[in-house]
């Protein structure tokens, strides 16, 4: 029997997703809708087996193993698991300097 987890979105992750979709929609609204569905669908799939995501390599290099990610190229869904909850913390474009962005956000918490 698979344990079900509940997925929660942090406001910063919601903002990340909104900004990605708005940027794409400027040139291609249809593609933006498709990408929105892919990202939210992948995040929703974390209700089952959230441990399947890899640890975030940039944070692992800093000795931080609490955070995991799923890839929907070129985007990365960063999340953490606590009890039976999954917290989506960021949705980032992997072409950016992820390490700087994540470390800055962790320091601000």
PDB file of N, CA and C in Angstrom:
ATOM      1  N   UNK A   1       0.842  -1.192   0.000  1.00  0.00           N
ATOM      2  CA  UNK A   1       0.000   0.000   0.000  1.00  0.00           C
ATOM      3  C   UNK A   1       0.883   1.250   0.000  1.00  0.00           C
ATOM      4  N   UNK A   2       0.698   2.125  -0.960  1.00  0.00           N
ATOM      5  CA  UNK A   2       1.480   3.351  -1.059  1.00  0.00           C
ATOM      6  C   UNK A   2       0.942   4.412  -0.110  1.00  0.00           C
ATOM      7  N   UNK A   3       1.847   5.053   0.586  1.00  0.00           N
ATOM      8  CA  UNK A   3       1.472   6.157   1.450  1.00  0.00           C
ATOM      9  C   UNK A   3       1.243   7.387   0.587  1.00  0.00           C
ATOM     10  N   UNK A   4       0.165   8.081   0.831  1.00  0.00           N
ATOM     11  CA  UNK A   4      -0.130   9.298   0.080  1.00  0.00           C
ATOM     12  C   UNK A   4       0.390  10.512   0.847  1.00  0.00           C
ATOM     13  N   UNK A   5       1.004  11.400   0.140  1.00  0.00           N
ATOM     14  CA  UNK A   5       1.504  12.645   0.684  1.00  0.00           C
ATOM     15  C   UNK A   5       0.611  13.782   0.191  1.00  0.00           C
ATOM     16  N   UNK A   6       0.610  14.868   0.921  1.00  0.00           N
ATOM     17  CA  UNK A   6      -0.119  16.060   0.493  1.00  0.00           C
ATOM     18  C   UNK A   6       0.912  17.069  -0.008  1.00  0.00           C
ATOM     19  N   UNK A   7       0.634  17.691  -1.144  1.00  0.00           N
ATOM     20  CA  UNK A   7       1.564  18.636  -1.765  1.00  0.00           C
ATOM     21  C   UNK A   7       1.106  20.063  -1.479  1.00  0.00           C
ATOM     22  N   UNK A   8       2.035  20.872  -0.989  1.00  0.00           N
ATOM     23  CA  UNK A   8       1.790  22.291  -0.706  1.00  0.00           C
ATOM     24  C   UNK A   8       2.774  23.130  -1.516  1.00  0.00           C
ATOM     25  N   UNK A   9       2.299  24.242  -2.030  1.00  0.00           N
ATOM     26  CA  UNK A   9       3.152  25.163  -2.787  1.00  0.00           C
ATOM     27  C   UNK A   9       3.491  26.373  -1.922  1.00  0.00           C
ATOM     28  N   UNK A  10       4.772  26.670  -1.789  1.00  0.00           N
ATOM     29  CA  UNK A  10       5.207  27.907  -1.134  1.00  0.00           C
ATOM     30  C   UNK A  10       4.874  29.075  -2.065  1.00  0.00           C
ATOM     31  N   UNK A  11       4.632  30.225  -1.492  1.00  0.00           N
ATOM     32  CA  UNK A  11       4.276  31.384  -2.323  1.00  0.00           C
ATOM     33  C   UNK A  11       5.394  31.736  -3.305  1.00  0.00           C
ATOM     34  N   UNK A  12       6.642  31.561  -2.910  1.00  0.00           N
ATOM     35  CA  UNK A  12       7.744  31.868  -3.825  1.00  0.00           C
ATOM     36  C   UNK A  12       7.738  30.907  -5.014  1.00  0.00           C
ATOM     37  N   UNK A  13       7.367  29.651  -4.800  1.00  0.00           N
ATOM     38  CA  UNK A  13       7.271  28.685  -5.896  1.00  0.00           C
ATOM     39  C   UNK A  13       6.116  29.051  -6.828  1.00  0.00           C
ATOM     40  N   UNK A  14       5.007  29.483  -6.244  1.00  0.00           N
ATOM     41  CA  UNK A  14       3.879  29.936  -7.064  1.00  0.00           C
ATOM     42  C   UNK A  14       4.298  31.127  -7.918  1.00  0.00           C
ATOM     43  N   UNK A  15       5.047  32.056  -7.320  1.00  0.00           N
ATOM     44  CA  UNK A  15       5.534  33.225  -8.065  1.00  0.00           C
ATOM     45  C   UNK A  15       6.497  32.801  -9.174  1.00  0.00           C
ATOM     46  N   UNK A  16       7.391  31.846  -8.856  1.00  0.00           N
ATOM     47  CA  UNK A  16       8.312  31.335  -9.876  1.00  0.00           C
ATOM     48  C   UNK A  16       7.532  30.810 -11.071  1.00  0.00           C
ATOM     49  N   UNK A  17       6.540  29.968 -10.800  1.00  0.00           N
ATOM     50  CA  UNK A  17       5.753  29.358 -11.864  1.00  0.00           C
ATOM     51  C   UNK A  17       4.987  30.418 -12.658  1.00  0.00           C
ATOM     52  N   UNK A  18       4.390  31.349 -11.958  1.00  0.00           N
ATOM     53  CA  UNK A  18       3.645  32.424 -12.620  1.00  0.00           C
ATOM     54  C   UNK A  18       4.557  33.208 -13.565  1.00  0.00           C
ATOM     55  N   UNK A  19       5.751  33.536 -13.104  1.00  0.00           N
ATOM     56  CA  UNK A  19       6.684  34.307 -13.929  1.00  0.00           C
ATOM     57  C   UNK A  19       7.151  33.520 -15.150  1.00  0.00           C
ATOM     58  N   UNK A  20       7.387  32.230 -14.966  1.00  0.00           N
ATOM     59  CA  UNK A  20       7.774  31.387 -16.100  1.00  0.00           C
ATOM     60  C   UNK A  20       6.664  31.368 -17.144  1.00  0.00           C
ATOM     61  N   UNK A  21       5.447  31.141 -16.701  1.00  0.00           N
ATOM     62  CA  UNK A  21       4.317  31.022 -17.623  1.00  0.00           C
ATOM     63  C   UNK A  21       4.027  32.354 -18.314  1.00  0.00           C
ATOM     64  N   UNK A  22       4.074  33.446 -17.577  1.00  0.00           N
ATOM     65  CA  UNK A  22       3.853  34.759 -18.189  1.00  0.00           C
ATOM     66  C   UNK A  22       4.911  35.072 -19.242  1.00  0.00           C
ATOM     67  N   UNK A  23       6.153  34.723 -18.965  1.00  0.00           N
ATOM     68  CA  UNK A  23       7.236  34.971 -19.907  1.00  0.00           C
ATOM     69  C   UNK A  23       7.016  34.181 -21.199  1.00  0.00           C
ATOM     70  N   UNK A  24       6.677  32.904 -21.061  1.00  0.00           N
ATOM     71  CA  UNK A  24       6.445  32.056 -22.237  1.00  0.00           C
ATOM     72  C   UNK A  24       5.207  32.519 -23.003  1.00  0.00           C
ATOM     73  N   UNK A  25       4.171  32.921 -22.268  1.00  0.00           N
ATOM     74  CA  UNK A  25       2.900  33.316 -22.891  1.00  0.00           C
ATOM     75  C   UNK A  25       3.034  34.555 -23.777  1.00  0.00           C
ATOM     76  N   UNK A  26       4.048  35.378 -23.546  1.00  0.00           N
ATOM     77  CA  UNK A  26       4.255  36.554 -24.394  1.00  0.00           C
ATOM     78  C   UNK A  26       4.404  36.142 -25.861  1.00  0.00           C
ATOM     79  N   UNK A  27       5.118  35.048 -26.092  1.00  0.00           N
ATOM     80  CA  UNK A  27       5.373  34.591 -27.463  1.00  0.00           C
ATOM     81  C   UNK A  27       4.466  33.453 -27.900  1.00  0.00           C
ATOM     82  N   UNK A  28       4.030  32.627 -26.922  1.00  0.00           N
ATOM     83  CA  UNK A  28       3.291  31.433 -27.305  1.00  0.00           C
ATOM     84  C   UNK A  28       2.342  31.003 -26.181  1.00  0.00           C
ATOM     85  N   UNK A  29       1.146  31.585 -26.136  1.00  0.00           N
ATOM     86  CA  UNK A  29       0.190  31.248 -25.074  1.00  0.00           C
ATOM     87  C   UNK A  29      -0.175  29.764 -25.010  1.00  0.00           C
ATOM     88  N   UNK A  30      -0.246  29.117 -26.155  1.00  0.00           N
ATOM     89  CA  UNK A  30      -0.584  27.695 -26.175  1.00  0.00           C
ATOM     90  C   UNK A  30       0.511  26.876 -25.505  1.00  0.00           C
ATOM     91  N   UNK A  31       1.749  27.186 -25.824  1.00  0.00           N
ATOM     92  CA  UNK A  31       2.881  26.488 -25.212  1.00  0.00           C
ATOM     93  C   UNK A  31       2.931  26.764 -23.714  1.00  0.00           C
ATOM     94  N   UNK A  32       2.617  27.979 -23.311  1.00  0.00           N
ATOM     95  CA  UNK A  32       2.608  28.325 -21.886  1.00  0.00           C
ATOM     96  C   UNK A  32       1.608  27.453 -21.134  1.00  0.00           C
ATOM     97  N   UNK A  33       0.448  27.265 -21.720  1.00  0.00           N
ATOM     98  CA  UNK A  33      -0.577  26.421 -21.088  1.00  0.00           C
ATOM     99  C   UNK A  33      -0.094  24.974 -20.980  1.00  0.00           C
ATOM    100  N   UNK A  34       0.553  24.478 -22.026  1.00  0.00           N
ATOM    101  CA  UNK A  34       1.083  23.115 -22.013  1.00  0.00           C
ATOM    102  C   UNK A  34       2.143  22.949 -20.924  1.00  0.00           C
ATOM    103  N   UNK A  35       3.043  23.907 -20.838  1.00  0.00           N
ATOM    104  CA  UNK A  35       4.117  23.846 -19.844  1.00  0.00           C
ATOM    105  C   UNK A  35       3.544  23.951 -18.428  1.00  0.00           C
ATOM    106  N   UNK A  36       2.560  24.808 -18.245  1.00  0.00           N
ATOM    107  CA  UNK A  36       1.899  24.910 -16.946  1.00  0.00           C
ATOM    108  C   UNK A  36       1.352  23.543 -16.532  1.00  0.00           C
ATOM    109  N   UNK A  37       0.690  22.864 -17.444  1.00  0.00           N
ATOM    110  CA  UNK A  37       0.148  21.544 -17.153  1.00  0.00           C
ATOM    111  C   UNK A  37       1.226  20.527 -16.819  1.00  0.00           C
ATOM    112  N   UNK A  38       2.340  20.578 -17.539  1.00  0.00           N
ATOM    113  CA  UNK A  38       3.438  19.641 -17.283  1.00  0.00           C
ATOM    114  C   UNK A  38       4.032  19.863 -15.893  1.00  0.00           C
ATOM    115  N   UNK A  39       4.296  21.121 -15.561  1.00  0.00           N
ATOM    116  CA  UNK A  39       4.936  21.425 -14.276  1.00  0.00           C
ATOM    117  C   UNK A  39       3.998  21.117 -13.115  1.00  0.00           C
ATOM    118  N   UNK A  40       2.746  21.558 -13.213  1.00  0.00           N
ATOM    119  CA  UNK A  40       1.813  21.299 -12.101  1.00  0.00           C
ATOM    120  C   UNK A  40       1.492  19.806 -11.997  1.00  0.00           C
ATOM    121  N   UNK A  41       1.437  19.129 -13.121  1.00  0.00           N
ATOM    122  CA  UNK A  41       1.192  17.687 -13.097  1.00  0.00           C
ATOM    123  C   UNK A  41       2.329  16.930 -12.434  1.00  0.00           C
ATOM    124  N   UNK A  42       3.547  17.317 -12.754  1.00  0.00           N
ATOM    125  CA  UNK A  42       4.718  16.668 -12.156  1.00  0.00           C
ATOM    126  C   UNK A  42       4.758  16.926 -10.659  1.00  0.00           C
ATOM    127  N   UNK A  43       4.450  18.158 -10.257  1.00  0.00           N
ATOM    128  CA  UNK A  43       4.420  18.478  -8.823  1.00  0.00           C
ATOM    129  C   UNK A  43       3.313  17.690  -8.126  1.00  0.00           C
ATOM    130  N   UNK A  44       2.168  17.577  -8.753  1.00  0.00           N
ATOM    131  CA  UNK A  44       1.056  16.828  -8.165  1.00  0.00           C
ATOM    132  C   UNK A  44       1.383  15.348  -8.016  1.00  0.00           C
ATOM    133  N   UNK A  45       2.246  14.841  -8.873  1.00  0.00           N
ATOM    134  CA  UNK A  45       2.613  13.428  -8.803  1.00  0.00           C
ATOM    135  C   UNK A  45       3.430  13.109  -7.547  1.00  0.00           C
ATOM    136  N   UNK A  46       3.877  14.145  -6.861  1.00  0.00           N
ATOM    137  CA  UNK A  46       4.656  13.940  -5.628  1.00  0.00           C
ATOM    138  C   UNK A  46       3.810  13.398  -4.476  1.00  0.00           C
ATOM    139  N   UNK A  47       2.511  13.254  -4.701  1.00  0.00           N
ATOM    140  CA  UNK A  47       1.663  12.643  -3.669  1.00  0.00           C
ATOM    141  C   UNK A  47       2.066  11.188  -3.448  1.00  0.00           C
ATOM    142  N   UNK A  48       2.719  10.608  -4.436  1.00  0.00           N
ATOM    143  CA  UNK A  48       3.208   9.244  -4.322  1.00  0.00           C
ATOM    144  C   UNK A  48       4.707   9.208  -4.596  1.00  0.00           C
ATOM    145  N   UNK A  49       5.420   8.511  -3.755  1.00  0.00           N
ATOM    146  CA  UNK A  49       6.867   8.305  -3.903  1.00  0.00           C
ATOM    147  C   UNK A  49       7.668   9.597  -4.101  1.00  0.00           C
ATOM    148  N   UNK A  50       7.519  10.583  -3.234  1.00  0.00           N
ATOM    149  CA  UNK A  50       8.263  11.821  -3.416  1.00  0.00           C
ATOM    150  C   UNK A  50       9.780  11.639  -3.270  1.00  0.00           C
ATOM    151  N   UNK A  51      10.207  10.542  -2.671  1.00  0.00           N
ATOM    152  CA  UNK A  51      11.641  10.282  -2.516  1.00  0.00           C
ATOM    153  C   UNK A  51      12.323   9.993  -3.848  1.00  0.00           C
ATOM    154  N   UNK A  52      11.535   9.815  -4.921  1.00  0.00           N
ATOM    155  CA  UNK A  52      12.112   9.489  -6.224  1.00  0.00           C
ATOM    156  C   UNK A  52      12.951  10.637  -6.796  1.00  0.00           C
ATOM    157  N   UNK A  53      12.693  11.841  -6.365  1.00  0.00           N
ATOM    158  CA  UNK A  53      13.478  12.977  -6.849  1.00  0.00           C
ATOM    159  C   UNK A  53      14.891  12.920  -6.295  1.00  0.00           C
ATOM    160  N   UNK A  54      15.834  13.394  -7.073  1.00  0.00           N
ATOM    161  CA  UNK A  54      17.222  13.395  -6.606  1.00  0.00           C
ATOM    162  C   UNK A  54      17.461  14.554  -5.652  1.00  0.00           C
ATOM    163  N   UNK A  55      18.500  14.434  -4.836  1.00  0.00           N
ATOM    164  CA  UNK A  55      18.874  15.576  -4.009  1.00  0.00           C
ATOM    165  C   UNK A  55      19.447  16.641  -4.943  1.00  0.00           C
ATOM    166  N   UNK A  56      19.294  17.886  -4.563  1.00  0.00           N
ATOM    167  CA  UNK A  56      19.734  19.005  -5.407  1.00  0.00           C
ATOM    168  C   UNK A  56      21.266  19.052  -5.382  1.00  0.00           C
ATOM    169  N   UNK A  57      21.915  18.790  -6.520  1.00  0.00           N
ATOM    170  CA  UNK A  57      23.383  18.691  -6.540  1.00  0.00           C
ATOM    171  C   UNK A  57      24.101  19.933  -6.013  1.00  0.00           C
ATOM    172  N   UNK A  58      23.611  21.112  -6.364  1.00  0.00           N
ATOM    173  CA  UNK A  58      24.278  22.341  -5.921  1.00  0.00           C
ATOM    174  C   UNK A  58      24.231  22.488  -4.405  1.00  0.00           C
ATOM    175  N   UNK A  59      23.148  22.031  -3.784  1.00  0.00           N
ATOM    176  CA  UNK A  59      23.042  22.098  -2.329  1.00  0.00           C
ATOM    177  C   UNK A  59      23.792  20.947  -1.680  1.00  0.00           C
ATOM    178  N   UNK A  60      23.776  19.798  -2.325  1.00  0.00           N
ATOM    179  CA  UNK A  60      24.512  18.642  -1.824  1.00  0.00           C
ATOM    180  C   UNK A  60      25.996  18.998  -1.718  1.00  0.00           C
ATOM    181  N   UNK A  61      26.512  19.751  -2.686  1.00  0.00           N
ATOM    182  CA  UNK A  61      27.911  20.193  -2.648  1.00  0.00           C
ATOM    183  C   UNK A  61      28.198  21.057  -1.425  1.00  0.00           C
ATOM    184  N   UNK A  62      27.151  21.687  -0.877  1.00  0.00           N
ATOM    185  CA  UNK A  62      27.290  22.535   0.310  1.00  0.00           C
ATOM    186  C   UNK A  62      26.962  21.764   1.597  1.00  0.00           C
ATOM    187  N   UNK A  63      26.729  20.449   1.474  1.00  0.00           N
ATOM    188  CA  UNK A  63      26.407  19.627   2.636  1.00  0.00           C
ATOM    189  C   UNK A  63      24.937  19.664   3.029  1.00  0.00           C
ATOM    190  N   UNK A  64      24.082  20.141   2.132  1.00  0.00           N
ATOM    191  CA  UNK A  64      22.641  20.246   2.402  1.00  0.00           C
ATOM    192  C   UNK A  64      21.933  19.142   1.613  1.00  0.00           C
ATOM    193  N   UNK A  65      21.304  18.211   2.336  1.00  0.00           N
ATOM    194  CA  UNK A  65      20.687  17.052   1.686  1.00  0.00           C
ATOM    195  C   UNK A  65      19.173  17.001   1.878  1.00  0.00           C
ATOM    196  N   UNK A  66      18.600  18.031   2.445  1.00  0.00           N
ATOM    197  CA  UNK A  66      17.183  18.062   2.783  1.00  0.00           C
ATOM    198  C   UNK A  66      16.272  18.265   1.571  1.00  0.00           C
ATOM    199  N   UNK A  67      16.793  18.833   0.515  1.00  0.00           N
ATOM    200  CA  UNK A  67      15.982  19.243  -0.625  1.00  0.00           C
ATOM    201  C   UNK A  67      16.153  18.296  -1.806  1.00  0.00           C
ATOM    202  N   UNK A  68      15.047  18.073  -2.511  1.00  0.00           N
ATOM    203  CA  UNK A  68      15.033  17.194  -3.679  1.00  0.00           C
ATOM    204  C   UNK A  68      14.493  17.970  -4.871  1.00  0.00           C
ATOM    205  N   UNK A  69      14.622  17.356  -6.041  1.00  0.00           N
ATOM    206  CA  UNK A  69      14.119  18.017  -7.239  1.00  0.00           C
ATOM    207  C   UNK A  69      13.636  17.012  -8.262  1.00  0.00           C
ATOM    208  N   UNK A  70      12.694  17.479  -9.064  1.00  0.00           N
ATOM    209  CA  UNK A  70      12.250  16.790 -10.266  1.00  0.00           C
ATOM    210  C   UNK A  70      12.543  17.713 -11.439  1.00  0.00           C
ATOM    211  N   UNK A  71      12.906  17.121 -12.552  1.00  0.00           N
ATOM    212  CA  UNK A  71      13.277  17.893 -13.733  1.00  0.00           C
ATOM    213  C   UNK A  71      12.180  17.798 -14.792  1.00  0.00           C
ATOM    214  N   UNK A  72      11.794  18.927 -15.318  1.00  0.00           N
ATOM    215  CA  UNK A  72      10.994  19.044 -16.527  1.00  0.00           C
ATOM    216  C   UNK A  72      11.791  20.030 -17.372  1.00  0.00           C
ATOM    217  N   UNK A  73      12.745  19.503 -18.107  1.00  0.00           N
ATOM    218  CA  UNK A  73      13.749  20.328 -18.780  1.00  0.00           C
ATOM    219  C   UNK A  73      13.108  21.488 -19.539  1.00  0.00           C
ATOM    220  N   UNK A  74      13.626  22.700 -19.366  1.00  0.00           N
ATOM    221  CA  UNK A  74      14.801  23.072 -18.585  1.00  0.00           C
ATOM    222  C   UNK A  74      14.476  23.498 -17.143  1.00  0.00           C
ATOM    223  N   UNK A  75      13.288  23.199 -16.657  1.00  0.00           N
ATOM    224  CA  UNK A  75      12.888  23.657 -15.328  1.00  0.00           C
ATOM    225  C   UNK A  75      13.116  22.586 -14.272  1.00  0.00           C
ATOM    226  N   UNK A  76      13.312  23.051 -13.060  1.00  0.00           N
ATOM    227  CA  UNK A  76      13.554  22.171 -11.929  1.00  0.00           C
ATOM    228  C   UNK A  76      12.573  22.523 -10.812  1.00  0.00           C
ATOM    229  N   UNK A  77      11.852  21.533 -10.333  1.00  0.00           N
ATOM    230  CA  UNK A  77      10.947  21.713  -9.198  1.00  0.00           C
ATOM    231  C   UNK A  77      11.723  21.311  -7.950  1.00  0.00           C
ATOM    232  N   UNK A  78      11.973  22.269  -7.081  1.00  0.00           N
ATOM    233  CA  UNK A  78      12.721  22.019  -5.842  1.00  0.00           C
ATOM    234  C   UNK A  78      11.706  21.862  -4.712  1.00  0.00           C
ATOM    235  N   UNK A  79      11.879  20.809  -3.917  1.00  0.00           N
ATOM    236  CA  UNK A  79      10.921  20.539  -2.849  1.00  0.00           C
ATOM    237  C   UNK A  79      11.595  19.858  -1.676  1.00  0.00           C
ATOM    238  N   UNK A  80      10.866  19.776  -0.580  1.00  0.00           N
ATOM    239  CA  UNK A  80      11.330  19.003   0.568  1.00  0.00           C
ATOM    240  C   UNK A  80      10.156  18.210   1.117  1.00  0.00           C
ATOM    241  N   UNK A  81      10.507  17.132   1.784  1.00  0.00           N
ATOM    242  CA  UNK A  81       9.507  16.227   2.352  1.00  0.00           C
ATOM    243  C   UNK A  81       9.578  16.357   3.859  1.00  0.00           C
ATOM    244  N   UNK A  82       8.419  16.460   4.485  1.00  0.00           N
ATOM    245  CA  UNK A  82       8.341  16.508   5.948  1.00  0.00           C
ATOM    246  C   UNK A  82       7.083  15.762   6.367  1.00  0.00           C
ATOM    247  N   UNK A  83       7.269  14.708   7.150  1.00  0.00           N
ATOM    248  CA  UNK A  83       6.165  13.838   7.555  1.00  0.00           C
ATOM    249  C   UNK A  83       5.470  13.326   6.291  1.00  0.00           C
ATOM    250  N   UNK A  84       4.219  13.545   6.168  1.00  0.00           N
ATOM    251  CA  UNK A  84       3.468  13.101   4.982  1.00  0.00           C
ATOM    252  C   UNK A  84       3.120  14.289   4.092  1.00  0.00           C
ATOM    253  N   UNK A  85       3.992  15.289   4.110  1.00  0.00           N
ATOM    254  CA  UNK A  85       3.772  16.502   3.324  1.00  0.00           C
ATOM    255  C   UNK A  85       4.964  16.749   2.416  1.00  0.00           C
ATOM    256  N   UNK A  86       4.669  17.295   1.248  1.00  0.00           N
ATOM    257  CA  UNK A  86       5.697  17.711   0.305  1.00  0.00           C
ATOM    258  C   UNK A  86       5.511  19.208   0.090  1.00  0.00           C
ATOM    259  N   UNK A  87       6.582  19.955   0.265  1.00  0.00           N
ATOM    260  CA  UNK A  87       6.534  21.405   0.094  1.00  0.00           C
ATOM    261  C   UNK A  87       7.312  21.775  -1.162  1.00  0.00           C
ATOM    262  N   UNK A  88       6.591  22.252  -2.182  1.00  0.00           N
ATOM    263  CA  UNK A  88       7.241  22.756  -3.392  1.00  0.00           C
ATOM    264  C   UNK A  88       7.756  24.147  -3.056  1.00  0.00           C
ATOM    265  N   UNK A  89       9.074  24.310  -3.148  1.00  0.00           N
ATOM    266  CA  UNK A  89       9.713  25.540  -2.678  1.00  0.00           C
ATOM    267  C   UNK A  89      10.133  26.479  -3.801  1.00  0.00           C
ATOM    268  N   UNK A  90      10.455  25.919  -4.957  1.00  0.00           N
ATOM    269  CA  UNK A  90      10.903  26.740  -6.082  1.00  0.00           C
ATOM    270  C   UNK A  90      10.669  26.003  -7.389  1.00  0.00           C
ATOM    271  N   UNK A  91      10.464  26.774  -8.427  1.00  0.00           N
ATOM    272  CA  UNK A  91      10.468  26.257  -9.798  1.00  0.00           C
ATOM    273  C   UNK A  91      11.438  27.161 -10.542  1.00  0.00           C
ATOM    274  N   UNK A  92      12.570  26.573 -10.940  1.00  0.00           N
ATOM    275  CA  UNK A  92      13.646  27.384 -11.494  1.00  0.00           C
ATOM    276  C   UNK A  92      14.063  26.901 -12.873  1.00  0.00           C
ATOM    277  N   UNK A  93      14.550  27.831 -13.659  1.00  0.00           N
ATOM    278  CA  UNK A  93      15.102  27.528 -14.966  1.00  0.00           C
ATOM    279  C   UNK A  93      16.543  27.063 -14.755  1.00  0.00           C
ATOM    280  N   UNK A  94      16.863  25.871 -15.195  1.00  0.00           N
ATOM    281  CA  UNK A  94      18.191  25.305 -14.954  1.00  0.00           C
ATOM    282  C   UNK A  94      19.298  26.039 -15.696  1.00  0.00           C
ATOM    283  N   UNK A  95      18.933  26.943 -16.590  1.00  0.00           N
ATOM    284  CA  UNK A  95      19.950  27.730 -17.291  1.00  0.00           C
ATOM    285  C   UNK A  95      20.450  28.893 -16.444  1.00  0.00           C
ATOM    286  N   UNK A  96      19.798  29.116 -15.299  1.00  0.00           N
ATOM    287  CA  UNK A  96      20.230  30.155 -14.364  1.00  0.00           C
ATOM    288  C   UNK A  96      21.252  29.559 -13.393  1.00  0.00           C
ATOM    289  N   UNK A  97      21.900  30.407 -12.599  1.00  0.00           N
ATOM    290  CA  UNK A  97      22.814  29.930 -11.572  1.00  0.00           C
ATOM    291  C   UNK A  97      21.985  29.486 -10.366  1.00  0.00           C
ATOM    292  N   UNK A  98      21.626  28.230 -10.361  1.00  0.00           N
ATOM    293  CA  UNK A  98      20.730  27.674  -9.350  1.00  0.00           C
ATOM    294  C   UNK A  98      21.341  27.768  -7.956  1.00  0.00           C
ATOM    295  N   UNK A  99      22.622  27.494  -7.846  1.00  0.00           N
ATOM    296  CA  UNK A  99      23.260  27.509  -6.529  1.00  0.00           C
ATOM    297  C   UNK A  99      23.108  28.870  -5.860  1.00  0.00           C
ATOM    298  N   UNK A 100      23.375  29.938  -6.582  1.00  0.00           N
ATOM    299  CA  UNK A 100      23.247  31.284  -6.013  1.00  0.00           C
ATOM    300  C   UNK A 100      21.807  31.591  -5.611  1.00  0.00           C
ATOM    301  N   UNK A 101      20.872  31.225  -6.474  1.00  0.00           N
ATOM    302  CA  UNK A 101      19.457  31.498  -6.189  1.00  0.00           C
ATOM    303  C   UNK A 101      19.006  30.749  -4.938  1.00  0.00           C
ATOM    304  N   UNK A 102      19.319  29.458  -4.869  1.00  0.00           N
ATOM    305  CA  UNK A 102      18.866  28.648  -3.735  1.00  0.00           C
ATOM    306  C   UNK A 102      19.532  29.065  -2.430  1.00  0.00           C
ATOM    307  N   UNK A 103      20.823  29.299  -2.463  1.00  0.00           N
ATOM    308  CA  UNK A 103      21.501  29.705  -1.231  1.00  0.00           C
ATOM    309  C   UNK A 103      20.980  31.049  -0.737  1.00  0.00           C
ATOM    310  N   UNK A 104      20.697  31.965  -1.651  1.00  0.00           N
ATOM    311  CA  UNK A 104      20.142  33.255  -1.267  1.00  0.00           C
ATOM    312  C   UNK A 104      18.762  33.068  -0.608  1.00  0.00           C
ATOM    313  N   UNK A 105      17.949  32.217  -1.201  1.00  0.00           N
ATOM    314  CA  UNK A 105      16.611  31.975  -0.636  1.00  0.00           C
ATOM    315  C   UNK A 105      16.693  31.281   0.714  1.00  0.00           C
ATOM    316  N   UNK A 106      17.628  30.363   0.881  1.00  0.00           N
ATOM    317  CA  UNK A 106      17.750  29.670   2.163  1.00  0.00           C
ATOM    318  C   UNK A 106      18.208  30.628   3.261  1.00  0.00           C
ATOM    319  N   UNK A 107      19.072  31.546   2.905  1.00  0.00           N
ATOM    320  CA  UNK A 107      19.563  32.520   3.873  1.00  0.00           C
ATOM    321  C   UNK A 107      18.447  33.467   4.302  1.00  0.00           C
ATOM    322  N   UNK A 108      17.540  33.783   3.368  1.00  0.00           N
ATOM    323  CA  UNK A 108      16.450  34.717   3.658  1.00  0.00           C
ATOM    324  C   UNK A 108      15.363  34.119   4.531  1.00  0.00           C
ATOM    325  N   UNK A 109      15.324  32.796   4.658  1.00  0.00           N
ATOM    326  CA  UNK A 109      14.259  32.139   5.437  1.00  0.00           C
ATOM    327  C   UNK A 109      14.445  32.389   6.918  1.00  0.00           C
TER     328      UNK A 109
END
